[in-house]
Amino acid sequence: MPLSSPYRSASSSLCEATAYEEAAADPIYGFLAWGSVSLHLARVPDLDPARSVAACYLYVDNVDALHASWQAAEVDGRLTAITATPYGLREFAHIDPDGNLLRVGAPITPNTP
């Protein structure tokens, strides 16, 4: 994902809220590990969040718990409410300060609230 500063993102409240381990962070490139997931971050010197965006979708086991932890940590950027989709997922979105979109969701099951 393009960022103005991988190190700033690696130390952000979002990373702290999700218990990411900082696997590598320098001024140009970094990545974060969270269980079997790694998120790679690259510095883009001329990043203009209004014109340059990236997005990724994270499938998780417990979307409610993750959303609650990010909300409690008051993560940087914008966090949306969880919604049920017509395509069978409960999901939310997070837009970081650089304009990158992280959509997070889990399948709706019979036990889903």
Protein backbone atom coordinates (compact mmCIF):
# COMPACT_ATOMS: atom_id res chain seq x y z
CA MET A 1 0.00 0.00 0.00
CA PRO A 2 1.38 3.43 -0.80
CA LEU A 3 2.05 5.70 2.15
CA SER A 4 3.72 8.99 2.81
CA SER A 5 5.63 7.32 5.67
CA PRO A 6 5.72 3.54 6.26
CA TYR A 7 7.30 4.10 9.67
CA ARG A 8 4.52 6.45 10.78
CA SER A 9 1.95 3.90 9.65
CA ALA A 10 3.80 1.06 11.35
CA SER A 11 3.58 2.90 14.64
CA SER A 12 0.02 4.18 14.20
CA SER A 13 -2.86 3.56 16.55
CA LEU A 14 -4.36 1.16 13.99
CA CYS A 15 -1.36 -1.13 14.29
CA GLU A 16 -1.36 -0.87 18.07
CA ALA A 17 -5.08 -1.70 18.20
CA THR A 18 -4.69 -4.86 16.12
CA ALA A 19 -1.60 -6.17 17.92
CA TYR A 20 0.48 -6.12 14.74
CA GLU A 21 4.13 -6.97 15.12
CA GLU A 22 6.40 -4.57 13.30
CA ALA A 23 8.37 -6.92 11.06
CA ALA A 24 10.23 -4.19 9.21
CA ALA A 25 9.98 -0.45 8.99
CA ASP A 26 12.31 2.04 7.40
CA PRO A 27 11.71 5.32 5.56
CA ILE A 28 11.13 3.54 2.22
CA TYR A 29 9.51 0.15 2.87
CA GLY A 30 8.00 -1.74 5.75
CA PHE A 31 5.63 -4.52 6.58
CA LEU A 32 3.55 -5.60 9.52
CA ALA A 33 2.76 -9.16 10.59
CA TRP A 34 -0.45 -10.21 12.31
CA GLY A 35 -0.71 -13.97 12.71
CA SER A 36 -0.53 -15.40 9.20
CA VAL A 37 -1.22 -12.00 7.59
CA SER A 38 1.41 -9.52 6.46
CA LEU A 39 0.66 -6.06 5.15
CA HIS A 40 3.40 -4.53 3.00
CA LEU A 41 3.84 -0.76 3.00
CA ALA A 42 5.83 1.32 0.53
CA ARG A 43 6.71 5.00 0.58
CA VAL A 44 5.47 6.96 -2.41
CA PRO A 45 7.28 10.33 -2.36
CA ASP A 46 4.71 12.22 -4.42
CA LEU A 47 1.66 10.66 -2.77
CA ASP A 48 -1.44 12.80 -3.13
CA PRO A 49 -4.22 11.14 -1.09
CA ALA A 50 -6.86 12.92 -3.17
CA ARG A 51 -5.53 11.34 -6.38
CA SER A 52 -3.51 8.26 -5.38
CA VAL A 53 -5.29 5.52 -3.50
CA ALA A 54 -4.95 1.84 -2.80
CA ALA A 55 -7.38 -0.61 -1.30
CA CYS A 56 -7.37 -4.09 0.12
CA TYR A 57 -9.92 -6.41 1.68
CA LEU A 58 -9.20 -8.33 4.86
CA TYR A 59 -11.34 -11.37 5.66
CA VAL A 60 -11.36 -12.00 9.41
CA ASP A 61 -12.96 -14.47 11.80
CA ASN A 62 -14.52 -11.89 14.14
CA VAL A 63 -15.32 -8.59 12.46
CA ASP A 64 -17.13 -7.29 15.56
CA ALA A 65 -14.14 -7.80 17.88
CA LEU A 66 -11.71 -6.20 15.43
CA HIS A 67 -13.99 -3.21 14.83
CA ALA A 68 -14.45 -2.76 18.59
CA SER A 69 -10.69 -2.81 19.19
CA TRP A 70 -10.05 -0.23 16.45
CA GLN A 71 -12.88 1.95 17.72
CA ALA A 72 -11.65 1.76 21.33
CA ALA A 73 -8.13 2.70 20.19
CA GLU A 74 -9.52 5.70 18.27
CA VAL A 75 -7.47 4.74 15.22
CA ASP A 76 -6.13 7.48 12.96
CA GLY A 77 -8.23 8.08 9.88
CA ARG A 78 -11.91 7.32 9.37
CA LEU A 79 -13.69 4.19 10.61
CA THR A 80 -17.18 3.29 9.39
CA ALA A 81 -19.86 1.34 11.22
CA ILE A 82 -20.31 -2.39 10.56
CA THR A 83 -23.01 -3.13 8.01
CA ALA A 84 -24.57 -6.31 6.66
CA THR A 85 -24.19 -6.55 2.90
CA PRO A 86 -26.51 -8.12 0.33
CA TYR A 87 -23.60 -10.38 -0.66
CA GLY A 88 -23.47 -12.17 2.70
CA LEU A 89 -20.78 -10.30 4.64
CA ARG A 90 -20.71 -8.06 7.70
CA GLU A 91 -18.07 -5.47 6.99
CA PHE A 92 -16.63 -2.08 7.81
CA ALA A 93 -14.11 0.24 6.21
CA HIS A 94 -11.12 2.19 7.45
CA ILE A 95 -9.56 5.02 5.45
CA ASP A 96 -6.09 5.85 6.71
CA PRO A 97 -4.57 9.35 6.76
CA ASP A 98 -2.95 8.69 3.34
CA GLY A 99 -6.32 7.84 1.76
CA ASN A 100 -5.83 4.06 1.56
CA LEU A 101 -8.98 2.00 2.00
CA LEU A 102 -9.01 -1.11 4.17
CA ARG A 103 -12.29 -3.01 3.99
CA VAL A 104 -12.72 -5.68 6.63
CA GLY A 105 -15.39 -8.34 6.70
CA ALA A 106 -16.57 -11.75 7.77
CA PRO A 107 -19.26 -14.05 6.37
CA ILE A 108 -22.70 -13.81 7.92
CA THR A 109 -23.44 -17.08 9.70
CA PRO A 110 -26.51 -18.35 11.58
CA ASN A 111 -24.82 -17.22 14.83
CA THR A 112 -24.02 -13.70 13.57
CA PRO A 113 -25.67 -11.01 15.71
